[in-house]
Amino acid sequence: MYNYLTSKLVNVLITGTLLLGVLATNSLVAFVWLSPSNRTPVSILLSIIAFHDTLTIIFGASNVIASYIGGSLLSVKACYVVMTTSTLAFVFHSQSILSTTYLAIQRCVICAFPFLGPRVFGLKTTTICVIVSFVSMMALKMPDLLFYDIGGIIHTFDDNTTALNCKVNYILNDETVLELPEIYMYIRFFALHLVPGCIVSFCMVVCLITVNRKTMATSQSSDQQRIRTRTTLMLVLIMFVFILGELPTTISVFHRAFFPGQPIWLTTSTGNWFCNITLVTSYTVNIWVYIAMSKGFRQSLSMMLCSPSRTVTSNNSNTA
C-alpha cells in the first residue's frame, strides 16, 4: 500500500539519485575549471558555484534521509540532524544564488568596460564577496540554530501507519521570535529571489546586447574576440539555467511571504518537493552548457577522462 512512509522512501531514492548525479557532474566541473590550463577568475567562480551546489544537495539529501529514518523509527534524535542539515542546505543554496548573482554582475561589467572590469573583479574581490555572503547567510539562519530542545509529534494516518514530525523549542521564546518566520520570508524573497533574479536578468540582457553590437561592428573578429564572445554566451546560458531552476521556489517563497493564509500547490509538501527537484536538476545542466560552449573545457575534460596521465597543454586563454 502506498502510504506516507512509502512516499518518503521514494523521495529518498530520487534524492539519492540526484545526489550521485550532482556529485559526478560537479566534481568534473571543479577539476576541469581548476586545472592549470583553465584557471581564471571566471573559472574559479564557476567552480565555487559548483561547490556550493554540491554542498546544497549533500545537506539536502542528508535532511531527507534523516527525516525518513526519524519518521519511520520514531526517533527524536534524528530531528537534530534534520534541523542542522536543513539550515546548512539553505546556507549553501543561498551562497549559490549570491555567487551566481556576483558572476552576472562581473560579466556585465566586463562586457560594458572590457579594460576596467577584469581588474575590478579579480580573485581578491571574489574571495571577499564569498566570505561576506557566507557570514550574512549564517547570521540570517542563526535563530534556527538557537534551540534548547527538540521533541517529536507522532501522527497516525488512515492506513494505521505512524510517523514522527519534529517539534523545535527555541531558546528565544518570546513574542519577537513569533514574528521571525514572517520577517524571514520577506527577507528571503527580496534578498535571495527578487533582487538576484532582477540583477541576473538585467545582466543577461546587457551581455547579449553588447555581444550583438560587437559582432555587428567587427566583420572579422580575432580569435581572442571569438573566445570572449563564446565565454559571454556560455555565462548567459548559465544565468538562464539559474533563473529557470529558481523560478518555482521564487513563486513559492513569494506566496508564503505575502499570502501565508492562502496555500497553493507549490507551498504544499508535494509542491516543495517539486521545487527542490527542479532546483537540483538545474545543477546537473551546467556541465552540458560548458561542454557545448567551451572548447577549452571539452579538451580538458576529454584529456582527463581518456588520458588521465597526460598533462593538459591548452592555452590559459581557451576558457571558451
C-alpha atoms as a PDB file:
ATOM      1  CA  MET A   1       0.000   0.000   0.000  1.00  0.00           C
ATOM      2  CA  TYR A   2       1.282   3.442  -0.967  1.00  0.00           C
ATOM      3  CA  ASN A   3       1.350   5.379   2.301  1.00  0.00           C
ATOM      4  CA  TYR A   4       3.160   8.293   3.912  1.00  0.00           C
ATOM      5  CA  LEU A   5       6.349   6.373   4.678  1.00  0.00           C
ATOM      6  CA  THR A   6       6.397   4.900   1.168  1.00  0.00           C
ATOM      7  CA  SER A   7       6.248   8.383  -0.329  1.00  0.00           C
ATOM      8  CA  LYS A   8       9.118   9.385   1.966  1.00  0.00           C
ATOM      9  CA  LEU A   9      11.136   6.382   0.767  1.00  0.00           C
ATOM     10  CA  VAL A  10      10.501   7.305  -2.877  1.00  0.00           C
ATOM     11  CA  ASN A  11      11.710  10.814  -2.045  1.00  0.00           C
ATOM     12  CA  VAL A  12      14.877   9.338  -0.521  1.00  0.00           C
ATOM     13  CA  LEU A  13      15.571   7.238  -3.627  1.00  0.00           C
ATOM     14  CA  ILE A  14      15.016  10.133  -6.041  1.00  0.00           C
ATOM     15  CA  THR A  15      17.097  12.498  -3.912  1.00  0.00           C
ATOM     16  CA  GLY A  16      19.878   9.916  -3.663  1.00  0.00           C
ATOM     17  CA  THR A  17      19.922   9.504  -7.451  1.00  0.00           C
ATOM     18  CA  LEU A  18      20.121  13.269  -7.948  1.00  0.00           C
ATOM     19  CA  LEU A  19      22.867  13.460  -5.326  1.00  0.00           C
ATOM     20  CA  LEU A  20      25.006  10.975  -7.265  1.00  0.00           C
ATOM     21  CA  GLY A  21      24.364  12.902 -10.478  1.00  0.00           C
ATOM     22  CA  VAL A  22      25.349  16.245  -8.958  1.00  0.00           C
ATOM     23  CA  LEU A  23      28.442  14.775  -7.282  1.00  0.00           C
ATOM     24  CA  ALA A  24      29.617  13.250 -10.558  1.00  0.00           C
ATOM     25  CA  THR A  25      28.996  16.277 -12.784  1.00  0.00           C
ATOM     26  CA  ASN A  26      30.135  18.985 -10.373  1.00  0.00           C
ATOM     27  CA  SER A  27      33.296  17.072  -9.464  1.00  0.00           C
ATOM     28  CA  LEU A  28      34.214  17.025 -13.152  1.00  0.00           C
ATOM     29  CA  VAL A  29      33.367  20.731 -13.438  1.00  0.00           C
ATOM     30  CA  ALA A  30      35.602  21.635 -10.487  1.00  0.00           C
ATOM     31  CA  PHE A  31      38.546  19.513 -11.663  1.00  0.00           C
ATOM     32  CA  VAL A  32      38.400  20.881 -15.211  1.00  0.00           C
ATOM     33  CA  TRP A  33      37.928  24.558 -14.347  1.00  0.00           C
ATOM     34  CA  LEU A  34      40.618  24.479 -11.653  1.00  0.00           C
ATOM     35  CA  SER A  35      43.179  22.771 -13.880  1.00  0.00           C
ATOM     36  CA  PRO A  36      46.215  24.972 -14.639  1.00  0.00           C
ATOM     37  CA  SER A  37      45.214  25.390 -18.296  1.00  0.00           C
ATOM     38  CA  ASN A  38      41.755  26.766 -17.486  1.00  0.00           C
ATOM     39  CA  ARG A  39      42.278  28.573 -14.187  1.00  0.00           C
ATOM     40  CA  THR A  40      40.993  32.161 -14.452  1.00  0.00           C
ATOM     41  CA  PRO A  41      38.876  34.363 -12.122  1.00  0.00           C
ATOM     42  CA  VAL A  42      35.790  33.286 -14.097  1.00  0.00           C
ATOM     43  CA  SER A  43      36.580  29.563 -13.968  1.00  0.00           C
ATOM     44  CA  ILE A  44      37.349  29.766 -10.240  1.00  0.00           C
ATOM     45  CA  LEU A  45      33.962  31.409  -9.660  1.00  0.00           C
ATOM     46  CA  LEU A  46      32.241  28.689 -11.711  1.00  0.00           C
ATOM     47  CA  SER A  47      33.993  26.103  -9.525  1.00  0.00           C
ATOM     48  CA  ILE A  48      32.816  27.898  -6.380  1.00  0.00           C
ATOM     49  CA  ILE A  49      29.225  27.796  -7.667  1.00  0.00           C
ATOM     50  CA  ALA A  50      29.591  24.064  -8.377  1.00  0.00           C
ATOM     51  CA  PHE A  51      30.983  23.588  -4.846  1.00  0.00           C
ATOM     52  CA  HIS A  52      28.014  25.425  -3.287  1.00  0.00           C
ATOM     53  CA  ASP A  53      25.541  23.457  -5.404  1.00  0.00           C
ATOM     54  CA  THR A  54      27.168  20.201  -4.326  1.00  0.00           C
ATOM     55  CA  LEU A  55      27.036  21.064  -0.631  1.00  0.00           C
ATOM     56  CA  THR A  56      23.399  22.104  -1.045  1.00  0.00           C
ATOM     57  CA  ILE A  57      22.374  18.691  -2.370  1.00  0.00           C
ATOM     58  CA  ILE A  58      24.598  16.856   0.141  1.00  0.00           C
ATOM     59  CA  PHE A  59      22.922  18.522   3.118  1.00  0.00           C
ATOM     60  CA  GLY A  60      19.534  18.405   1.402  1.00  0.00           C
ATOM     61  CA  ALA A  61      19.841  14.657   0.838  1.00  0.00           C
ATOM     62  CA  SER A  62      21.041  14.192   4.421  1.00  0.00           C
ATOM     63  CA  ASN A  63      17.942  16.067   5.565  1.00  0.00           C
ATOM     64  CA  VAL A  64      15.625  13.843   3.524  1.00  0.00           C
ATOM     65  CA  ILE A  65      17.322  10.646   4.746  1.00  0.00           C
ATOM     66  CA  ALA A  66      17.312  11.755   8.387  1.00  0.00           C
ATOM     67  CA  SER A  67      13.658  12.774   8.091  1.00  0.00           C
ATOM     68  CA  TYR A  68      12.746   9.349   6.713  1.00  0.00           C
ATOM     69  CA  ILE A  69      14.731   7.449   9.355  1.00  0.00           C
ATOM     70  CA  GLY A  70      13.411   9.577  12.184  1.00  0.00           C
ATOM     71  CA  GLY A  71       9.857   9.365  10.916  1.00  0.00           C
ATOM     72  CA  SER A  72       9.850   5.600  10.385  1.00  0.00           C
ATOM     73  CA  LEU A  73      11.762   4.675  13.561  1.00  0.00           C
ATOM     74  CA  LEU A  74      10.035   7.380  15.647  1.00  0.00           C
ATOM     75  CA  SER A  75      13.485   8.608  16.669  1.00  0.00           C
ATOM     76  CA  VAL A  76      13.668  12.125  18.094  1.00  0.00           C
ATOM     77  CA  LYS A  77      17.480  12.058  17.824  1.00  0.00           C
ATOM     78  CA  ALA A  78      17.174  12.211  14.047  1.00  0.00           C
ATOM     79  CA  CYS A  79      15.410  15.553  14.437  1.00  0.00           C
ATOM     80  CA  TYR A  80      18.694  17.197  15.422  1.00  0.00           C
ATOM     81  CA  VAL A  81      20.190  16.057  12.118  1.00  0.00           C
ATOM     82  CA  VAL A  82      17.073  17.233  10.272  1.00  0.00           C
ATOM     83  CA  MET A  83      17.318  20.686  11.833  1.00  0.00           C
ATOM     84  CA  THR A  84      21.050  21.140  11.261  1.00  0.00           C
ATOM     85  CA  THR A  85      21.115  19.814   7.684  1.00  0.00           C
ATOM     86  CA  SER A  86      18.108  21.943   6.749  1.00  0.00           C
ATOM     87  CA  THR A  87      19.911  25.077   7.926  1.00  0.00           C
ATOM     88  CA  LEU A  88      23.158  24.199   6.142  1.00  0.00           C
ATOM     89  CA  ALA A  89      21.336  23.320   2.917  1.00  0.00           C
ATOM     90  CA  PHE A  90      19.701  26.747   2.976  1.00  0.00           C
ATOM     91  CA  VAL A  91      23.023  28.499   3.662  1.00  0.00           C
ATOM     92  CA  PHE A  92      24.824  26.878   0.730  1.00  0.00           C
ATOM     93  CA  HIS A  93      21.825  27.273  -1.571  1.00  0.00           C
ATOM     94  CA  SER A  94      21.888  30.975  -0.702  1.00  0.00           C
ATOM     95  CA  GLN A  95      25.632  31.001  -1.362  1.00  0.00           C
ATOM     96  CA  SER A  96      24.974  29.564  -4.806  1.00  0.00           C
ATOM     97  CA  ILE A  97      22.381  32.267  -5.518  1.00  0.00           C
ATOM     98  CA  LEU A  98      24.675  35.078  -4.403  1.00  0.00           C
ATOM     99  CA  SER A  99      27.676  33.625  -6.266  1.00  0.00           C
ATOM    100  CA  THR A 100      25.665  33.393  -9.482  1.00  0.00           C
ATOM    101  CA  THR A 101      24.474  36.967  -8.984  1.00  0.00           C
ATOM    102  CA  TYR A 102      28.067  38.082  -8.491  1.00  0.00           C
ATOM    103  CA  LEU A 103      29.031  36.174 -11.665  1.00  0.00           C
ATOM    104  CA  ALA A 104      26.306  38.027 -13.594  1.00  0.00           C
ATOM    105  CA  ILE A 105      27.488  41.416 -12.302  1.00  0.00           C
ATOM    106  CA  GLN A 106      31.098  40.517 -13.050  1.00  0.00           C
ATOM    107  CA  ARG A 107      30.368  39.566 -16.653  1.00  0.00           C
ATOM    108  CA  CYS A 108      28.081  42.557 -17.171  1.00  0.00           C
ATOM    109  CA  VAL A 109      30.809  44.981 -16.048  1.00  0.00           C
ATOM    110  CA  ILE A 110      33.442  43.199 -18.138  1.00  0.00           C
ATOM    111  CA  CYS A 111      31.188  43.412 -21.200  1.00  0.00           C
ATOM    112  CA  ALA A 112      30.496  47.107 -20.638  1.00  0.00           C
ATOM    113  CA  PHE A 113      34.037  48.019 -19.537  1.00  0.00           C
ATOM    114  CA  PRO A 114      36.419  45.428 -21.047  1.00  0.00           C
ATOM    115  CA  PHE A 115      39.558  47.165 -19.768  1.00  0.00           C
ATOM    116  CA  LEU A 116      38.433  48.114 -16.256  1.00  0.00           C
ATOM    117  CA  GLY A 117      36.200  45.124 -15.475  1.00  0.00           C
ATOM    118  CA  PRO A 118      38.846  42.377 -15.207  1.00  0.00           C
ATOM    119  CA  ARG A 119      40.922  44.487 -12.811  1.00  0.00           C
ATOM    120  CA  VAL A 120      37.956  45.318 -10.554  1.00  0.00           C
ATOM    121  CA  PHE A 121      36.506  41.790 -10.446  1.00  0.00           C
ATOM    122  CA  GLY A 122      39.650  39.805  -9.764  1.00  0.00           C
ATOM    123  CA  LEU A 123      40.292  36.901  -7.403  1.00  0.00           C
ATOM    124  CA  LYS A 124      40.561  39.175  -4.358  1.00  0.00           C
ATOM    125  CA  THR A 125      37.125  40.709  -4.949  1.00  0.00           C
ATOM    126  CA  THR A 126      35.627  37.255  -5.495  1.00  0.00           C
ATOM    127  CA  THR A 127      37.105  35.961  -2.213  1.00  0.00           C
ATOM    128  CA  ILE A 128      35.756  38.930  -0.254  1.00  0.00           C
ATOM    129  CA  CYS A 129      32.260  38.527  -1.713  1.00  0.00           C
ATOM    130  CA  VAL A 130      32.183  34.783  -0.937  1.00  0.00           C
ATOM    131  CA  ILE A 131      33.201  35.360   2.700  1.00  0.00           C
ATOM    132  CA  VAL A 132      30.762  38.248   3.224  1.00  0.00           C
ATOM    133  CA  SER A 133      27.858  36.319   1.704  1.00  0.00           C
ATOM    134  CA  PHE A 134      28.597  33.246   3.858  1.00  0.00           C
ATOM    135  CA  VAL A 135      28.694  35.288   7.075  1.00  0.00           C
ATOM    136  CA  SER A 136      25.478  37.086   6.085  1.00  0.00           C
ATOM    137  CA  MET A 137      23.603  33.858   5.407  1.00  0.00           C
ATOM    138  CA  MET A 138      24.798  32.271   8.645  1.00  0.00           C
ATOM    139  CA  ALA A 139      23.593  35.361  10.524  1.00  0.00           C
ATOM    140  CA  LEU A 140      20.204  35.112   8.806  1.00  0.00           C
ATOM    141  CA  LYS A 141      19.776  31.460   9.798  1.00  0.00           C
ATOM    142  CA  MET A 142      21.330  31.732  13.260  1.00  0.00           C
ATOM    143  CA  PRO A 143      17.900  31.883  15.019  1.00  0.00           C
ATOM    144  CA  ASP A 144      17.160  28.413  13.604  1.00  0.00           C
ATOM    145  CA  LEU A 145      20.199  27.027  15.443  1.00  0.00           C
ATOM    146  CA  LEU A 146      19.307  28.616  18.797  1.00  0.00           C
ATOM    147  CA  PHE A 147      17.199  25.769  20.164  1.00  0.00           C
ATOM    148  CA  TYR A 148      17.471  24.134  23.556  1.00  0.00           C
ATOM    149  CA  ASP A 149      15.335  21.096  22.897  1.00  0.00           C
ATOM    150  CA  ILE A 150      13.797  19.149  20.029  1.00  0.00           C
ATOM    151  CA  GLY A 151      10.834  16.886  20.520  1.00  0.00           C
ATOM    152  CA  GLY A 152       8.512  14.980  18.265  1.00  0.00           C
ATOM    153  CA  ILE A 153       4.825  14.614  17.496  1.00  0.00           C
ATOM    154  CA  ILE A 154       3.614  11.192  16.376  1.00  0.00           C
ATOM    155  CA  HIS A 155       0.958  11.217  13.646  1.00  0.00           C
ATOM    156  CA  THR A 156      -1.263   8.243  12.832  1.00  0.00           C
ATOM    157  CA  PHE A 157      -2.590   8.054   9.273  1.00  0.00           C
ATOM    158  CA  ASP A 158      -5.714   6.446   7.818  1.00  0.00           C
ATOM    159  CA  ASP A 159      -3.813   3.282   6.904  1.00  0.00           C
ATOM    160  CA  ASN A 160      -2.694   2.908  10.555  1.00  0.00           C
ATOM    161  CA  THR A 161       0.908   3.837   9.774  1.00  0.00           C
ATOM    162  CA  THR A 162       2.659   6.220  12.147  1.00  0.00           C
ATOM    163  CA  ALA A 163       5.362   8.808  11.599  1.00  0.00           C
ATOM    164  CA  LEU A 164       7.164  11.327  13.738  1.00  0.00           C
ATOM    165  CA  ASN A 165       7.317  15.052  12.979  1.00  0.00           C
ATOM    166  CA  CYS A 166       9.943  17.142  14.721  1.00  0.00           C
ATOM    167  CA  LYS A 167       8.976  19.916  17.138  1.00  0.00           C
ATOM    168  CA  VAL A 168      11.580  22.547  17.971  1.00  0.00           C
ATOM    169  CA  ASN A 169      11.742  24.516  21.211  1.00  0.00           C
ATOM    170  CA  TYR A 170      13.805  27.662  20.698  1.00  0.00           C
ATOM    171  CA  ILE A 171      15.876  29.498  23.294  1.00  0.00           C
ATOM    172  CA  LEU A 172      14.408  32.862  22.324  1.00  0.00           C
ATOM    173  CA  ASN A 173      10.829  32.005  23.065  1.00  0.00           C
ATOM    174  CA  ASP A 174       9.011  35.327  23.193  1.00  0.00           C
ATOM    175  CA  GLU A 175       6.731  37.469  21.054  1.00  0.00           C
ATOM    176  CA  THR A 176       9.639  38.677  18.939  1.00  0.00           C
ATOM    177  CA  VAL A 177      10.518  35.151  17.895  1.00  0.00           C
ATOM    178  CA  LEU A 178       6.932  34.517  16.858  1.00  0.00           C
ATOM    179  CA  GLU A 179       7.340  37.262  14.261  1.00  0.00           C
ATOM    180  CA  LEU A 180      10.690  35.960  12.958  1.00  0.00           C
ATOM    181  CA  PRO A 181       9.264  33.460  10.408  1.00  0.00           C
ATOM    182  CA  GLU A 182       7.209  36.182   8.740  1.00  0.00           C
ATOM    183  CA  ILE A 183      10.124  38.636   8.684  1.00  0.00           C
ATOM    184  CA  TYR A 184      12.427  35.882   7.475  1.00  0.00           C
ATOM    185  CA  MET A 185      10.179  35.115   4.478  1.00  0.00           C
ATOM    186  CA  TYR A 186      10.174  38.771   3.425  1.00  0.00           C
ATOM    187  CA  ILE A 187      13.957  38.980   3.706  1.00  0.00           C
ATOM    188  CA  ARG A 188      14.380  35.719   1.824  1.00  0.00           C
ATOM    189  CA  PHE A 189      12.086  36.762  -1.013  1.00  0.00           C
ATOM    190  CA  PHE A 190      13.642  40.159  -1.601  1.00  0.00           C
ATOM    191  CA  ALA A 191      17.306  39.386  -0.804  1.00  0.00           C
ATOM    192  CA  LEU A 192      17.581  35.894  -2.303  1.00  0.00           C
ATOM    193  CA  HIS A 193      14.968  35.778  -5.056  1.00  0.00           C
ATOM    194  CA  LEU A 194      13.553  39.064  -6.349  1.00  0.00           C
ATOM    195  CA  VAL A 195      16.712  41.211  -6.287  1.00  0.00           C
ATOM    196  CA  PRO A 196      19.101  38.481  -7.554  1.00  0.00           C
ATOM    197  CA  GLY A 197      16.598  37.476 -10.238  1.00  0.00           C
ATOM    198  CA  CYS A 198      16.270  41.068 -11.475  1.00  0.00           C
ATOM    199  CA  ILE A 199      20.035  41.615 -11.408  1.00  0.00           C
ATOM    200  CA  VAL A 200      20.797  38.398 -13.285  1.00  0.00           C
ATOM    201  CA  SER A 201      18.068  39.105 -15.879  1.00  0.00           C
ATOM    202  CA  PHE A 202      19.352  42.644 -16.412  1.00  0.00           C
ATOM    203  CA  CYS A 203      22.944  41.442 -16.770  1.00  0.00           C
ATOM    204  CA  MET A 204      21.846  38.784 -19.276  1.00  0.00           C
ATOM    205  CA  VAL A 205      20.245  41.453 -21.461  1.00  0.00           C
ATOM    206  CA  VAL A 206      23.262  43.777 -21.218  1.00  0.00           C
ATOM    207  CA  CYS A 207      25.666  40.973 -22.144  1.00  0.00           C
ATOM    208  CA  LEU A 208      23.577  39.892 -25.124  1.00  0.00           C
ATOM    209  CA  ILE A 209      23.240  43.469 -26.390  1.00  0.00           C
ATOM    210  CA  THR A 210      26.987  44.025 -26.001  1.00  0.00           C
ATOM    211  CA  VAL A 211      27.863  40.815 -27.831  1.00  0.00           C
ATOM    212  CA  ASN A 212      25.449  41.677 -30.648  1.00  0.00           C
ATOM    213  CA  ARG A 213      26.900  45.179 -31.054  1.00  0.00           C
ATOM    214  CA  LYS A 214      30.483  43.940 -31.143  1.00  0.00           C
ATOM    215  CA  THR A 215      29.574  41.254 -33.669  1.00  0.00           C
ATOM    216  CA  MET A 216      27.940  43.809 -35.949  1.00  0.00           C
ATOM    217  CA  ALA A 217      30.772  46.330 -35.519  1.00  0.00           C
ATOM    218  CA  THR A 218      33.596  43.927 -36.417  1.00  0.00           C
ATOM    219  CA  SER A 219      33.254  41.936 -39.611  1.00  0.00           C
ATOM    220  CA  GLN A 220      36.414  39.910 -38.921  1.00  0.00           C
ATOM    221  CA  SER A 221      36.934  39.301 -35.245  1.00  0.00           C
ATOM    222  CA  SER A 222      40.133  37.909 -33.794  1.00  0.00           C
ATOM    223  CA  ASP A 223      40.444  34.550 -32.068  1.00  0.00           C
ATOM    224  CA  GLN A 224      40.527  36.300 -28.680  1.00  0.00           C
ATOM    225  CA  GLN A 225      37.355  38.205 -29.546  1.00  0.00           C
ATOM    226  CA  ARG A 226      35.571  34.997 -30.535  1.00  0.00           C
ATOM    227  CA  ILE A 227      36.712  33.333 -27.311  1.00  0.00           C
ATOM    228  CA  ARG A 228      35.398  36.234 -25.210  1.00  0.00           C
ATOM    229  CA  THR A 229      32.115  36.187 -27.113  1.00  0.00           C
ATOM    230  CA  ARG A 230      31.599  32.456 -26.575  1.00  0.00           C
ATOM    231  CA  THR A 231      32.544  32.811 -22.913  1.00  0.00           C
ATOM    232  CA  THR A 232      29.936  35.539 -22.503  1.00  0.00           C
ATOM    233  CA  LEU A 233      27.269  33.479 -24.260  1.00  0.00           C
ATOM    234  CA  MET A 234      28.174  30.469 -22.098  1.00  0.00           C
ATOM    235  CA  LEU A 235      27.760  32.516 -18.920  1.00  0.00           C
ATOM    236  CA  VAL A 236      24.449  33.924 -20.184  1.00  0.00           C
ATOM    237  CA  LEU A 237      23.199  30.347 -20.601  1.00  0.00           C
ATOM    238  CA  ILE A 238      24.343  29.543 -17.061  1.00  0.00           C
ATOM    239  CA  MET A 239      22.372  32.564 -15.828  1.00  0.00           C
ATOM    240  CA  PHE A 240      19.316  31.410 -17.811  1.00  0.00           C
ATOM    241  CA  VAL A 241      19.502  27.907 -16.303  1.00  0.00           C
ATOM    242  CA  PHE A 242      19.772  29.548 -12.869  1.00  0.00           C
ATOM    243  CA  ILE A 243      16.629  31.634 -13.467  1.00  0.00           C
ATOM    244  CA  LEU A 244      14.630  28.602 -14.622  1.00  0.00           C
ATOM    245  CA  GLY A 245      15.794  26.439 -11.724  1.00  0.00           C
ATOM    246  CA  GLU A 246      14.925  29.078  -9.137  1.00  0.00           C
ATOM    247  CA  LEU A 247      11.556  30.092 -10.633  1.00  0.00           C
ATOM    248  CA  PRO A 248       9.281  27.563  -8.827  1.00  0.00           C
ATOM    249  CA  THR A 249      10.988  28.268  -5.487  1.00  0.00           C
ATOM    250  CA  THR A 250      10.679  32.024  -6.065  1.00  0.00           C
ATOM    251  CA  ILE A 251       6.927  31.702  -6.668  1.00  0.00           C
ATOM    252  CA  SER A 252       6.563  29.536  -3.562  1.00  0.00           C
ATOM    253  CA  VAL A 253       8.513  31.944  -1.340  1.00  0.00           C
ATOM    254  CA  PHE A 254       6.569  34.920  -2.720  1.00  0.00           C
ATOM    255  CA  HIS A 255       3.232  33.283  -1.902  1.00  0.00           C
ATOM    256  CA  ARG A 256       4.331  32.220   1.581  1.00  0.00           C
ATOM    257  CA  ALA A 257       5.575  35.742   2.308  1.00  0.00           C
ATOM    258  CA  PHE A 258       2.593  37.747   1.075  1.00  0.00           C
ATOM    259  CA  PHE A 259      -0.294  35.233   1.213  1.00  0.00           C
ATOM    260  CA  PRO A 260       0.526  32.951   4.170  1.00  0.00           C
ATOM    261  CA  GLY A 261      -3.099  32.013   4.773  1.00  0.00           C
ATOM    262  CA  GLN A 262      -3.849  31.104   1.169  1.00  0.00           C
ATOM    263  CA  PRO A 263      -1.821  27.999   0.296  1.00  0.00           C
ATOM    264  CA  ILE A 264      -1.221  26.969  -3.308  1.00  0.00           C
ATOM    265  CA  TRP A 265       0.163  23.740  -4.727  1.00  0.00           C
ATOM    266  CA  LEU A 266       3.781  24.962  -4.681  1.00  0.00           C
ATOM    267  CA  THR A 267       3.559  25.607  -0.924  1.00  0.00           C
ATOM    268  CA  THR A 268       2.395  22.061  -0.131  1.00  0.00           C
ATOM    269  CA  SER A 269       4.805  19.246   0.676  1.00  0.00           C
ATOM    270  CA  THR A 270       4.439  17.890  -2.871  1.00  0.00           C
ATOM    271  CA  GLY A 271       4.969  21.346  -4.343  1.00  0.00           C
ATOM    272  CA  ASN A 272       8.005  21.888  -2.148  1.00  0.00           C
ATOM    273  CA  TRP A 273       9.395  18.566  -3.366  1.00  0.00           C
ATOM    274  CA  PHE A 274       8.844  19.710  -6.967  1.00  0.00           C
ATOM    275  CA  CYS A 275      10.686  22.984  -6.267  1.00  0.00           C
ATOM    276  CA  ASN A 276      13.648  21.105  -4.808  1.00  0.00           C
ATOM    277  CA  ILE A 277      13.782  18.592  -7.665  1.00  0.00           C
ATOM    278  CA  THR A 278      13.670  21.403 -10.256  1.00  0.00           C
ATOM    279  CA  LEU A 279      16.431  23.234  -8.424  1.00  0.00           C
ATOM    280  CA  VAL A 280      18.731  20.218  -8.125  1.00  0.00           C
ATOM    281  CA  THR A 281      18.087  19.178 -11.727  1.00  0.00           C
ATOM    282  CA  SER A 282      19.351  22.588 -12.851  1.00  0.00           C
ATOM    283  CA  TYR A 283      22.638  21.820 -11.064  1.00  0.00           C
ATOM    284  CA  THR A 284      23.277  18.918 -13.443  1.00  0.00           C
ATOM    285  CA  VAL A 285      22.613  21.018 -16.569  1.00  0.00           C
ATOM    286  CA  ASN A 286      25.599  23.363 -16.167  1.00  0.00           C
ATOM    287  CA  ILE A 287      28.188  20.805 -17.240  1.00  0.00           C
ATOM    288  CA  TRP A 288      26.393  20.318 -20.564  1.00  0.00           C
ATOM    289  CA  VAL A 289      26.463  24.070 -21.145  1.00  0.00           C
ATOM    290  CA  TYR A 290      30.219  24.059 -20.551  1.00  0.00           C
ATOM    291  CA  ILE A 291      30.717  21.106 -22.901  1.00  0.00           C
ATOM    292  CA  ALA A 292      28.630  22.717 -25.629  1.00  0.00           C
ATOM    293  CA  MET A 293      30.071  26.230 -25.364  1.00  0.00           C
ATOM    294  CA  SER A 294      33.681  25.894 -24.188  1.00  0.00           C
ATOM    295  CA  LYS A 295      36.373  24.351 -26.370  1.00  0.00           C
ATOM    296  CA  GLY A 296      38.880  24.550 -23.525  1.00  0.00           C
ATOM    297  CA  PHE A 297      36.502  22.707 -21.183  1.00  0.00           C
ATOM    298  CA  ARG A 298      35.884  19.973 -23.787  1.00  0.00           C
ATOM    299  CA  GLN A 299      39.583  19.458 -24.427  1.00  0.00           C
ATOM    300  CA  SER A 300      40.478  19.338 -20.736  1.00  0.00           C
ATOM    301  CA  LEU A 301      37.563  17.019 -19.932  1.00  0.00           C
ATOM    302  CA  SER A 302      38.461  14.692 -22.817  1.00  0.00           C
ATOM    303  CA  MET A 303      42.110  14.507 -21.775  1.00  0.00           C
ATOM    304  CA  MET A 304      41.185  13.949 -18.126  1.00  0.00           C
ATOM    305  CA  LEU A 305      38.736  11.138 -18.887  1.00  0.00           C
ATOM    306  CA  CYS A 306      40.613   9.478 -21.754  1.00  0.00           C
ATOM    307  CA  SER A 307      44.242  10.073 -20.801  1.00  0.00           C
ATOM    308  CA  PRO A 308      44.496  10.822 -17.061  1.00  0.00           C
ATOM    309  CA  SER A 309      48.291  10.573 -17.107  1.00  0.00           C
ATOM    310  CA  ARG A 310      48.746  13.242 -19.755  1.00  0.00           C
ATOM    311  CA  THR A 311      49.260  16.883 -18.885  1.00  0.00           C
ATOM    312  CA  VAL A 312      46.772  19.365 -20.197  1.00  0.00           C
ATOM    313  CA  THR A 313      48.575  21.754 -22.526  1.00  0.00           C
ATOM    314  CA  SER A 314      45.762  24.022 -23.657  1.00  0.00           C
ATOM    315  CA  ASN A 315      46.365  27.760 -23.522  1.00  0.00           C
ATOM    316  CA  ASN A 316      45.050  29.656 -20.474  1.00  0.00           C
ATOM    317  CA  SER A 317      43.020  31.889 -22.744  1.00  0.00           C
ATOM    318  CA  ASN A 318      40.941  28.995 -24.044  1.00  0.00           C
ATOM    319  CA  THR A 319      38.262  29.431 -21.399  1.00  0.00           C
ATOM    320  CA  ALA A 320      35.654  29.124 -24.138  1.00  0.00           C
END
